[in-house]
Amino acid sequence: MDLSTLEKFDSKGMHKVYDMCPQITRESFESDQNQVNFDVVTDTNDIEKATSFAKEWLKSIGEESSTITANECKFCHTQSVPEDMEIEIMTDGYSISKMEGCPN
């Protein structure tokens, strides 16, 4: 993405935050928990799309067999994001904010 494209976006723009708490299998990393908590930060108002982003991220960390549905996904709030997250959202459609039980 070139700088002229980036300059068209306000890095202080508001984004939707969806809280995710799926049950996972813990195949790819060590932990004594069987649940992770993370936020999907995106521009979409579509909970199914946010859930799809969560599945994509889980697959990227080796947890593709984990189950996540709209039942584990709840709209939480809107917020502005730092520039690095803004770039991820513009490039990938979402950014992940890791919380409890997530790998580094």
Foldseek 3Di string as FASTA:
>chain_A
DDPVVVVVDDLFDKWWKKKFWFFFDCPQHDDPGRIFIKIKTFRDPDLQVSQVVVLVVCVVRVGNVTDDDSVRIDTDDMGRDGPVQVVCCVVVRIDMGGDPPDDD
